[in-house]
Amino acid sequence: MAAAARDPTELMQRRVRELISCPICMEDIQNGKMLPCLHTFCLQCIKDYWKDKVAKQSVKCPVCRQPFKIPSDGLKSLKNNFFVENLVEINKKGKSDSS
């Protein structure tokens, strides 16, 4: 019941923060890459996370543990998550407008 009493704007801001935060570094996602399970991470974070892995090797998502194979072109060839990148930009703009 406590959540129902919260300010809707505060809840929305908290949810946006969850969507745009990299689960590895906990910062705003930079160059967001989407895994087949649809979790998104900073490209540099997943490169560091799997630094000892090579193309076509099987790895597991750091969040849900779903296995997938690193693409033959490497992690940089994973799809960009433009939705998350847009949310990061909107959030930055909102912060600068309120200052």
PDB file of N, CA and C in Angstrom:
ATOM      1  N   MET A   1       0.808  -1.205   0.000  1.00  0.00           N
ATOM      2  CA  MET A   1       0.000   0.000   0.000  1.00  0.00           C
ATOM      3  C   MET A   1       0.852   1.270   0.000  1.00  0.00           C
ATOM      4  N   ALA A   2       2.033   1.185   0.546  1.00  0.00           N
ATOM      5  CA  ALA A   2       2.893   2.364   0.598  1.00  0.00           C
ATOM      6  C   ALA A   2       3.220   2.866  -0.806  1.00  0.00           C
ATOM      7  N   ALA A   3       3.378   1.952  -1.774  1.00  0.00           N
ATOM      8  CA  ALA A   3       3.706   2.356  -3.143  1.00  0.00           C
ATOM      9  C   ALA A   3       2.571   3.161  -3.760  1.00  0.00           C
ATOM     10  N   ALA A   4       1.330   2.858  -3.421  1.00  0.00           N
ATOM     11  CA  ALA A   4       0.189   3.575  -3.985  1.00  0.00           C
ATOM     12  C   ALA A   4       0.163   5.022  -3.518  1.00  0.00           C
ATOM     13  N   ALA A   5       0.719   5.275  -2.345  1.00  0.00           N
ATOM     14  CA  ALA A   5       0.711   6.629  -1.802  1.00  0.00           C
ATOM     15  C   ALA A   5       1.840   7.488  -2.366  1.00  0.00           C
ATOM     16  N   ARG A   6       2.774   6.896  -3.088  1.00  0.00           N
ATOM     17  CA  ARG A   6       3.905   7.657  -3.623  1.00  0.00           C
ATOM     18  C   ARG A   6       3.471   8.570  -4.758  1.00  0.00           C
ATOM     19  N   ASP A   7       4.285   9.573  -4.973  1.00  0.00           N
ATOM     20  CA  ASP A   7       4.088  10.520  -6.066  1.00  0.00           C
ATOM     21  C   ASP A   7       4.295   9.790  -7.390  1.00  0.00           C
ATOM     22  N   PRO A   8       3.322   9.863  -8.330  1.00  0.00           N
ATOM     23  CA  PRO A   8       3.468   9.168  -9.625  1.00  0.00           C
ATOM     24  C   PRO A   8       4.709   9.604 -10.399  1.00  0.00           C
ATOM     25  N   THR A   9       5.094  10.865 -10.283  1.00  0.00           N
ATOM     26  CA  THR A   9       6.285  11.353 -10.975  1.00  0.00           C
ATOM     27  C   THR A   9       7.529  10.681 -10.417  1.00  0.00           C
ATOM     28  N   GLU A  10       7.583  10.540  -9.110  1.00  0.00           N
ATOM     29  CA  GLU A  10       8.715   9.879  -8.466  1.00  0.00           C
ATOM     30  C   GLU A  10       8.812   8.418  -8.913  1.00  0.00           C
ATOM     31  N   LEU A  11       7.685   7.743  -8.989  1.00  0.00           N
ATOM     32  CA  LEU A  11       7.666   6.349  -9.432  1.00  0.00           C
ATOM     33  C   LEU A  11       8.123   6.226 -10.881  1.00  0.00           C
ATOM     34  N   MET A  12       7.678   7.152 -11.725  1.00  0.00           N
ATOM     35  CA  MET A  12       8.079   7.133 -13.130  1.00  0.00           C
ATOM     36  C   MET A  12       9.584   7.365 -13.256  1.00  0.00           C
ATOM     37  N   GLN A  13      10.106   8.326 -12.522  1.00  0.00           N
ATOM     38  CA  GLN A  13      11.539   8.618 -12.577  1.00  0.00           C
ATOM     39  C   GLN A  13      12.367   7.430 -12.098  1.00  0.00           C
ATOM     40  N   ARG A  14      11.888   6.743 -11.069  1.00  0.00           N
ATOM     41  CA  ARG A  14      12.589   5.573 -10.567  1.00  0.00           C
ATOM     42  C   ARG A  14      12.582   4.447 -11.600  1.00  0.00           C
ATOM     43  N   ARG A  15      11.454   4.259 -12.267  1.00  0.00           N
ATOM     44  CA  ARG A  15      11.343   3.208 -13.281  1.00  0.00           C
ATOM     45  C   ARG A  15      12.243   3.519 -14.491  1.00  0.00           C
ATOM     46  N   VAL A  16      12.278   4.777 -14.919  1.00  0.00           N
ATOM     47  CA  VAL A  16      13.162   5.173 -16.021  1.00  0.00           C
ATOM     48  C   VAL A  16      14.609   4.918 -15.626  1.00  0.00           C
ATOM     49  N   ARG A  17      14.985   5.264 -14.403  1.00  0.00           N
ATOM     50  CA  ARG A  17      16.343   5.051 -13.911  1.00  0.00           C
ATOM     51  C   ARG A  17      16.712   3.564 -13.997  1.00  0.00           C
ATOM     52  N   GLU A  18      15.771   2.686 -13.622  1.00  0.00           N
ATOM     53  CA  GLU A  18      16.012   1.236 -13.717  1.00  0.00           C
ATOM     54  C   GLU A  18      16.236   0.813 -15.167  1.00  0.00           C
ATOM     55  N   LEU A  19      15.455   1.380 -16.083  1.00  0.00           N
ATOM     56  CA  LEU A  19      15.552   0.992 -17.497  1.00  0.00           C
ATOM     57  C   LEU A  19      16.844   1.454 -18.155  1.00  0.00           C
ATOM     58  N   ILE A  20      17.382   2.579 -17.713  1.00  0.00           N
ATOM     59  CA  ILE A  20      18.557   3.142 -18.390  1.00  0.00           C
ATOM     60  C   ILE A  20      19.865   2.837 -17.672  1.00  0.00           C
ATOM     61  N   SER A  21      19.817   2.129 -16.552  1.00  0.00           N
ATOM     62  CA  SER A  21      21.032   1.795 -15.803  1.00  0.00           C
ATOM     63  C   SER A  21      21.579   0.444 -16.243  1.00  0.00           C
ATOM     64  N   CYS A  22      22.844   0.402 -16.531  1.00  0.00           N
ATOM     65  CA  CYS A  22      23.508  -0.847 -16.883  1.00  0.00           C
ATOM     66  C   CYS A  22      23.561  -1.728 -15.634  1.00  0.00           C
ATOM     67  N   PRO A  23      23.104  -2.983 -15.739  1.00  0.00           N
ATOM     68  CA  PRO A  23      23.147  -3.867 -14.577  1.00  0.00           C
ATOM     69  C   PRO A  23      24.559  -4.211 -14.109  1.00  0.00           C
ATOM     70  N   ILE A  24      25.564  -3.930 -14.914  1.00  0.00           N
ATOM     71  CA  ILE A  24      26.943  -4.226 -14.509  1.00  0.00           C
ATOM     72  C   ILE A  24      27.570  -3.032 -13.792  1.00  0.00           C
ATOM     73  N   CYS A  25      27.590  -1.865 -14.441  1.00  0.00           N
ATOM     74  CA  CYS A  25      28.258  -0.697 -13.852  1.00  0.00           C
ATOM     75  C   CYS A  25      27.315   0.204 -13.054  1.00  0.00           C
ATOM     76  N   MET A  26      26.010   0.004 -13.224  1.00  0.00           N
ATOM     77  CA  MET A  26      24.974   0.775 -12.529  1.00  0.00           C
ATOM     78  C   MET A  26      24.936   2.259 -12.943  1.00  0.00           C
ATOM     79  N   GLU A  27      25.615   2.606 -14.020  1.00  0.00           N
ATOM     80  CA  GLU A  27      25.588   3.963 -14.578  1.00  0.00           C
ATOM     81  C   GLU A  27      24.638   3.984 -15.767  1.00  0.00           C
ATOM     82  N   ASP A  28      24.393   5.181 -16.338  1.00  0.00           N
ATOM     83  CA  ASP A  28      23.592   5.263 -17.557  1.00  0.00           C
ATOM     84  C   ASP A  28      24.252   4.409 -18.638  1.00  0.00           C
ATOM     85  N   ILE A  29      23.439   3.660 -19.354  1.00  0.00           N
ATOM     86  CA  ILE A  29      23.956   2.786 -20.400  1.00  0.00           C
ATOM     87  C   ILE A  29      24.603   3.628 -21.501  1.00  0.00           C
ATOM     88  N   GLN A  30      25.826   3.245 -21.866  1.00  0.00           N
ATOM     89  CA  GLN A  30      26.579   3.891 -22.935  1.00  0.00           C
ATOM     90  C   GLN A  30      26.777   2.876 -24.053  1.00  0.00           C
ATOM     91  N   ASN A  31      26.417   3.239 -25.273  1.00  0.00           N
ATOM     92  CA  ASN A  31      26.546   2.339 -26.419  1.00  0.00           C
ATOM     93  C   ASN A  31      25.855   1.011 -26.090  1.00  0.00           C
ATOM     94  N   GLY A  32      24.565   1.112 -25.746  1.00  0.00           N
ATOM     95  CA  GLY A  32      23.796  -0.026 -25.270  1.00  0.00           C
ATOM     96  C   GLY A  32      23.662  -1.147 -26.292  1.00  0.00           C
ATOM     97  N   LYS A  33      24.061  -2.341 -25.889  1.00  0.00           N
ATOM     98  CA  LYS A  33      23.956  -3.532 -26.726  1.00  0.00           C
ATOM     99  C   LYS A  33      22.972  -4.499 -26.078  1.00  0.00           C
ATOM    100  N   MET A  34      22.099  -5.064 -26.919  1.00  0.00           N
ATOM    101  CA  MET A  34      21.035  -5.926 -26.450  1.00  0.00           C
ATOM    102  C   MET A  34      21.397  -7.387 -26.715  1.00  0.00           C
ATOM    103  N   LEU A  35      21.300  -8.196 -25.678  1.00  0.00           N
ATOM    104  CA  LEU A  35      21.524  -9.630 -25.810  1.00  0.00           C
ATOM    105  C   LEU A  35      20.261 -10.280 -26.370  1.00  0.00           C
ATOM    106  N   PRO A  36      20.329 -11.517 -26.840  1.00  0.00           N
ATOM    107  CA  PRO A  36      19.131 -12.189 -27.365  1.00  0.00           C
ATOM    108  C   PRO A  36      17.986 -12.281 -26.348  1.00  0.00           C
ATOM    109  N   CYS A  37      18.302 -12.276 -25.058  1.00  0.00           N
ATOM    110  CA  CYS A  37      17.272 -12.312 -24.013  1.00  0.00           C
ATOM    111  C   CYS A  37      16.627 -10.942 -23.802  1.00  0.00           C
ATOM    112  N   LEU A  38      17.121  -9.918 -24.500  1.00  0.00           N
ATOM    113  CA  LEU A  38      16.654  -8.529 -24.486  1.00  0.00           C
ATOM    114  C   LEU A  38      17.191  -7.694 -23.334  1.00  0.00           C
ATOM    115  N   HIS A  39      18.069  -8.237 -22.488  1.00  0.00           N
ATOM    116  CA  HIS A  39      18.728  -7.399 -21.488  1.00  0.00           C
ATOM    117  C   HIS A  39      19.773  -6.543 -22.195  1.00  0.00           C
ATOM    118  N   THR A  40      19.943  -5.317 -21.714  1.00  0.00           N
ATOM    119  CA  THR A  40      20.841  -4.351 -22.361  1.00  0.00           C
ATOM    120  C   THR A  40      21.947  -3.938 -21.406  1.00  0.00           C
ATOM    121  N   PHE A  41      23.150  -3.808 -21.963  1.00  0.00           N
ATOM    122  CA  PHE A  41      24.340  -3.453 -21.194  1.00  0.00           C
ATOM    123  C   PHE A  41      25.182  -2.471 -22.001  1.00  0.00           C
ATOM    124  N   CYS A  42      26.058  -1.737 -21.315  1.00  0.00           N
ATOM    125  CA  CYS A  42      27.064  -0.942 -22.018  1.00  0.00           C
ATOM    126  C   CYS A  42      27.958  -1.911 -22.786  1.00  0.00           C
ATOM    127  N   LEU A  43      28.339  -1.536 -24.002  1.00  0.00           N
ATOM    128  CA  LEU A  43      29.239  -2.382 -24.774  1.00  0.00           C
ATOM    129  C   LEU A  43      30.525  -2.639 -23.998  1.00  0.00           C
ATOM    130  N   GLN A  44      31.112  -1.604 -23.418  1.00  0.00           N
ATOM    131  CA  GLN A  44      32.373  -1.781 -22.693  1.00  0.00           C
ATOM    132  C   GLN A  44      32.200  -2.706 -21.492  1.00  0.00           C
ATOM    133  N   CYS A  45      31.065  -2.635 -20.825  1.00  0.00           N
ATOM    134  CA  CYS A  45      30.829  -3.499 -19.656  1.00  0.00           C
ATOM    135  C   CYS A  45      30.793  -4.974 -20.043  1.00  0.00           C
ATOM    136  N   ILE A  46      30.101  -5.290 -21.136  1.00  0.00           N
ATOM    137  CA  ILE A  46      30.063  -6.712 -21.507  1.00  0.00           C
ATOM    138  C   ILE A  46      31.385  -7.175 -22.102  1.00  0.00           C
ATOM    139  N   LYS A  47      32.116  -6.253 -22.742  1.00  0.00           N
ATOM    140  CA  LYS A  47      33.462  -6.613 -23.207  1.00  0.00           C
ATOM    141  C   LYS A  47      34.341  -6.965 -22.009  1.00  0.00           C
ATOM    142  N   ASP A  48      34.278  -6.146 -20.957  1.00  0.00           N
ATOM    143  CA  ASP A  48      35.065  -6.403 -19.750  1.00  0.00           C
ATOM    144  C   ASP A  48      34.574  -7.669 -19.039  1.00  0.00           C
ATOM    145  N   TYR A  49      33.263  -7.850 -18.986  1.00  0.00           N
ATOM    146  CA  TYR A  49      32.668  -8.993 -18.295  1.00  0.00           C
ATOM    147  C   TYR A  49      33.107 -10.312 -18.924  1.00  0.00           C
ATOM    148  N   TRP A  50      33.176 -10.341 -20.262  1.00  0.00           N
ATOM    149  CA  TRP A  50      33.560 -11.552 -20.992  1.00  0.00           C
ATOM    150  C   TRP A  50      34.931 -11.399 -21.654  1.00  0.00           C
ATOM    151  N   LYS A  51      35.845 -10.701 -20.994  1.00  0.00           N
ATOM    152  CA  LYS A  51      37.146 -10.409 -21.607  1.00  0.00           C
ATOM    153  C   LYS A  51      37.948 -11.662 -21.947  1.00  0.00           C
ATOM    154  N   ASP A  52      37.679 -12.766 -21.269  1.00  0.00           N
ATOM    155  CA  ASP A  52      38.419 -13.993 -21.546  1.00  0.00           C
ATOM    156  C   ASP A  52      37.682 -14.922 -22.522  1.00  0.00           C
ATOM    157  N   LYS A  53      36.590 -14.429 -23.124  1.00  0.00           N
ATOM    158  CA  LYS A  53      35.790 -15.228 -24.061  1.00  0.00           C
ATOM    159  C   LYS A  53      36.065 -14.773 -25.489  1.00  0.00           C
ATOM    160  N   VAL A  54      35.805 -15.664 -26.443  1.00  0.00           N
ATOM    161  CA  VAL A  54      36.047 -15.366 -27.855  1.00  0.00           C
ATOM    162  C   VAL A  54      34.773 -15.575 -28.664  1.00  0.00           C
ATOM    163  N   ALA A  55      34.802 -15.113 -29.907  1.00  0.00           N
ATOM    164  CA  ALA A  55      33.652 -15.261 -30.804  1.00  0.00           C
ATOM    165  C   ALA A  55      33.211 -16.721 -30.884  1.00  0.00           C
ATOM    166  N   LYS A  56      31.912 -16.896 -30.972  1.00  0.00           N
ATOM    167  CA  LYS A  56      31.243 -18.198 -31.080  1.00  0.00           C
ATOM    168  C   LYS A  56      31.287 -19.028 -29.791  1.00  0.00           C
ATOM    169  N   GLN A  57      31.858 -18.451 -28.738  1.00  0.00           N
ATOM    170  CA  GLN A  57      31.880 -19.154 -27.460  1.00  0.00           C
ATOM    171  C   GLN A  57      30.557 -18.888 -26.743  1.00  0.00           C
ATOM    172  N   SER A  58      30.058 -19.867 -26.028  1.00  0.00           N
ATOM    173  CA  SER A  58      28.808 -19.727 -25.292  1.00  0.00           C
ATOM    174  C   SER A  58      29.059 -19.009 -23.971  1.00  0.00           C
ATOM    175  N   VAL A  59      28.213 -18.028 -23.672  1.00  0.00           N
ATOM    176  CA  VAL A  59      28.263 -17.276 -22.413  1.00  0.00           C
ATOM    177  C   VAL A  59      26.830 -17.166 -21.884  1.00  0.00           C
ATOM    178  N   LYS A  60      26.682 -16.671 -20.665  1.00  0.00           N
ATOM    179  CA  LYS A  60      25.355 -16.500 -20.076  1.00  0.00           C
ATOM    180  C   LYS A  60      25.116 -15.037 -19.742  1.00  0.00           C
ATOM    181  N   CYS A  61      23.881 -14.585 -19.956  1.00  0.00           N
ATOM    182  CA  CYS A  61      23.500 -13.218 -19.600  1.00  0.00           C
ATOM    183  C   CYS A  61      23.779 -13.005 -18.113  1.00  0.00           C
ATOM    184  N   PRO A  62      24.406 -11.875 -17.753  1.00  0.00           N
ATOM    185  CA  PRO A  62      24.684 -11.593 -16.346  1.00  0.00           C
ATOM    186  C   PRO A  62      23.420 -11.432 -15.488  1.00  0.00           C
ATOM    187  N   VAL A  63      22.282 -11.169 -16.115  1.00  0.00           N
ATOM    188  CA  VAL A  63      21.046 -10.959 -15.356  1.00  0.00           C
ATOM    189  C   VAL A  63      20.226 -12.240 -15.249  1.00  0.00           C
ATOM    190  N   CYS A  64      19.852 -12.814 -16.381  1.00  0.00           N
ATOM    191  CA  CYS A  64      18.924 -13.954 -16.361  1.00  0.00           C
ATOM    192  C   CYS A  64      19.601 -15.302 -16.578  1.00  0.00           C
ATOM    193  N   ARG A  65      20.895 -15.279 -16.902  1.00  0.00           N
ATOM    194  CA  ARG A  65      21.694 -16.482 -17.103  1.00  0.00           C
ATOM    195  C   ARG A  65      21.322 -17.274 -18.356  1.00  0.00           C
ATOM    196  N   GLN A  66      20.524 -16.670 -19.254  1.00  0.00           N
ATOM    197  CA  GLN A  66      20.184 -17.353 -20.509  1.00  0.00           C
ATOM    198  C   GLN A  66      21.447 -17.448 -21.365  1.00  0.00           C
ATOM    199  N   PRO A  67      21.779 -18.644 -21.856  1.00  0.00           N
ATOM    200  CA  PRO A  67      22.989 -18.794 -22.667  1.00  0.00           C
ATOM    201  C   PRO A  67      22.802 -18.272 -24.097  1.00  0.00           C
ATOM    202  N   PHE A  68      23.888 -17.791 -24.667  1.00  0.00           N
ATOM    203  CA  PHE A  68      23.928 -17.418 -26.086  1.00  0.00           C
ATOM    204  C   PHE A  68      25.375 -17.471 -26.528  1.00  0.00           C
ATOM    205  N   LYS A  69      25.571 -17.478 -27.826  1.00  0.00           N
ATOM    206  CA  LYS A  69      26.928 -17.515 -28.373  1.00  0.00           C
ATOM    207  C   LYS A  69      27.343 -16.111 -28.790  1.00  0.00           C
ATOM    208  N   ILE A  70      28.571 -15.752 -28.447  1.00  0.00           N
ATOM    209  CA  ILE A  70      29.113 -14.465 -28.882  1.00  0.00           C
ATOM    210  C   ILE A  70      29.150 -14.476 -30.408  1.00  0.00           C
ATOM    211  N   PRO A  71      28.624 -13.433 -31.055  1.00  0.00           N
ATOM    212  CA  PRO A  71      28.615 -13.398 -32.528  1.00  0.00           C
ATOM    213  C   PRO A  71      30.022 -13.529 -33.110  1.00  0.00           C
ATOM    214  N   SER A  72      30.089 -14.054 -34.318  1.00  0.00           N
ATOM    215  CA  SER A  72      31.390 -14.245 -34.971  1.00  0.00           C
ATOM    216  C   SER A  72      32.122 -12.920 -35.186  1.00  0.00           C
ATOM    217  N   ASP A  73      31.368 -11.807 -35.290  1.00  0.00           N
ATOM    218  CA  ASP A  73      31.975 -10.480 -35.428  1.00  0.00           C
ATOM    219  C   ASP A  73      32.272  -9.829 -34.080  1.00  0.00           C
ATOM    220  N   GLY A  74      32.033 -10.547 -32.996  1.00  0.00           N
ATOM    221  CA  GLY A  74      32.289 -10.020 -31.659  1.00  0.00           C
ATOM    222  C   GLY A  74      31.081  -9.304 -31.065  1.00  0.00           C
ATOM    223  N   LEU A  75      31.236  -8.869 -29.825  1.00  0.00           N
ATOM    224  CA  LEU A  75      30.136  -8.244 -29.082  1.00  0.00           C
ATOM    225  C   LEU A  75      29.675  -6.930 -29.700  1.00  0.00           C
ATOM    226  N   LYS A  76      30.582  -6.242 -30.389  1.00  0.00           N
ATOM    227  CA  LYS A  76      30.204  -4.959 -31.012  1.00  0.00           C
ATOM    228  C   LYS A  76      29.121  -5.139 -32.065  1.00  0.00           C
ATOM    229  N   SER A  77      28.957  -6.368 -32.571  1.00  0.00           N
ATOM    230  CA  SER A  77      27.953  -6.608 -33.609  1.00  0.00           C
ATOM    231  C   SER A  77      26.558  -6.921 -33.036  1.00  0.00           C
ATOM    232  N   LEU A  78      26.439  -6.973 -31.708  1.00  0.00           N
ATOM    233  CA  LEU A  78      25.107  -7.127 -31.113  1.00  0.00           C
ATOM    234  C   LEU A  78      24.261  -5.911 -31.470  1.00  0.00           C
ATOM    235  N   LYS A  79      22.959  -6.084 -31.504  1.00  0.00           N
ATOM    236  CA  LYS A  79      22.063  -4.981 -31.866  1.00  0.00           C
ATOM    237  C   LYS A  79      22.106  -3.869 -30.824  1.00  0.00           C
ATOM    238  N   ASN A  80      22.101  -2.618 -31.320  1.00  0.00           N
ATOM    239  CA  ASN A  80      21.980  -1.461 -30.435  1.00  0.00           C
ATOM    240  C   ASN A  80      20.561  -1.406 -29.898  1.00  0.00           C
ATOM    241  N   ASN A  81      20.411  -0.967 -28.657  1.00  0.00           N
ATOM    242  CA  ASN A  81      19.087  -0.772 -28.094  1.00  0.00           C
ATOM    243  C   ASN A  81      18.784   0.728 -28.168  1.00  0.00           C
ATOM    244  N   PHE A  82      18.195   1.132 -29.301  1.00  0.00           N
ATOM    245  CA  PHE A  82      17.920   2.549 -29.531  1.00  0.00           C
ATOM    246  C   PHE A  82      16.867   3.082 -28.578  1.00  0.00           C
ATOM    247  N   PHE A  83      15.956   2.234 -28.131  1.00  0.00           N
ATOM    248  CA  PHE A  83      14.939   2.660 -27.162  1.00  0.00           C
ATOM    249  C   PHE A  83      15.615   3.129 -25.873  1.00  0.00           C
ATOM    250  N   VAL A  84      16.538   2.333 -25.351  1.00  0.00           N
ATOM    251  CA  VAL A  84      17.240   2.693 -24.120  1.00  0.00           C
ATOM    252  C   VAL A  84      18.110   3.926 -24.349  1.00  0.00           C
ATOM    253  N   GLU A  85      18.789   3.994 -25.486  1.00  0.00           N
ATOM    254  CA  GLU A  85      19.618   5.167 -25.782  1.00  0.00           C
ATOM    255  C   GLU A  85      18.777   6.440 -25.815  1.00  0.00           C
ATOM    256  N   ASN A  86      17.569   6.359 -26.383  1.00  0.00           N
ATOM    257  CA  ASN A  86      16.673   7.518 -26.402  1.00  0.00           C
ATOM    258  C   ASN A  86      16.225   7.894 -24.996  1.00  0.00           C
ATOM    259  N   LEU A  87      15.933   6.905 -24.165  1.00  0.00           N
ATOM    260  CA  LEU A  87      15.550   7.191 -22.778  1.00  0.00           C
ATOM    261  C   LEU A  87      16.682   7.878 -22.016  1.00  0.00           C
ATOM    262  N   VAL A  88      17.921   7.442 -22.253  1.00  0.00           N
ATOM    263  CA  VAL A  88      19.071   8.074 -21.606  1.00  0.00           C
ATOM    264  C   VAL A  88      19.142   9.548 -22.012  1.00  0.00           C
ATOM    265  N   GLU A  89      18.980   9.833 -23.307  1.00  0.00           N
ATOM    266  CA  GLU A  89      19.029  11.214 -23.797  1.00  0.00           C
ATOM    267  C   GLU A  89      17.892  12.056 -23.220  1.00  0.00           C
ATOM    268  N   ILE A  90      16.683  11.497 -23.188  1.00  0.00           N
ATOM    269  CA  ILE A  90      15.529  12.212 -22.620  1.00  0.00           C
ATOM    270  C   ILE A  90      15.774  12.508 -21.148  1.00  0.00           C
ATOM    271  N   ASN A  91      16.313  11.543 -20.419  1.00  0.00           N
ATOM    272  CA  ASN A  91      16.594  11.732 -18.998  1.00  0.00           C
ATOM    273  C   ASN A  91      17.630  12.830 -18.785  1.00  0.00           C
ATOM    274  N   LYS A  92      18.689  12.839 -19.613  1.00  0.00           N
ATOM    275  CA  LYS A  92      19.715  13.886 -19.510  1.00  0.00           C
ATOM    276  C   LYS A  92      19.117  15.253 -19.801  1.00  0.00           C
ATOM    277  N   LYS A  93      18.281  15.333 -20.832  1.00  0.00           N
ATOM    278  CA  LYS A  93      17.652  16.602 -21.198  1.00  0.00           C
ATOM    279  C   LYS A  93      16.746  17.083 -20.075  1.00  0.00           C
ATOM    280  N   GLY A  94      15.990  16.164 -19.491  1.00  0.00           N
ATOM    281  CA  GLY A  94      15.107  16.515 -18.376  1.00  0.00           C
ATOM    282  C   GLY A  94      15.878  17.053 -17.183  1.00  0.00           C
ATOM    283  N   LYS A  95      17.027  16.476 -16.905  1.00  0.00           N
ATOM    284  CA  LYS A  95      17.858  16.941 -15.786  1.00  0.00           C
ATOM    285  C   LYS A  95      18.412  18.325 -16.064  1.00  0.00           C
ATOM    286  N   SER A  96      18.855  18.581 -17.307  1.00  0.00           N
ATOM    287  CA  SER A  96      19.432  19.887 -17.634  1.00  0.00           C
ATOM    288  C   SER A  96      18.355  20.975 -17.695  1.00  0.00           C
ATOM    289  N   ASP A  97      17.142  20.614 -18.085  1.00  0.00           N
ATOM    290  CA  ASP A  97      16.045  21.584 -18.138  1.00  0.00           C
ATOM    291  C   ASP A  97      15.573  21.986 -16.747  1.00  0.00           C
ATOM    292  N   SER A  98      15.701  21.063 -15.770  1.00  0.00           N
ATOM    293  CA  SER A  98      15.221  21.359 -14.427  1.00  0.00           C
ATOM    294  C   SER A  98      16.266  22.083 -13.595  1.00  0.00           C
ATOM    295  N   SER A  99      17.489  22.215 -14.112  1.00  0.00           N
ATOM    296  CA  SER A  99      18.568  22.901 -13.364  1.00  0.00           C
ATOM    297  C   SER A  99      18.444  24.389 -13.462  1.00  0.00           C
TER     298      SER A  99
END
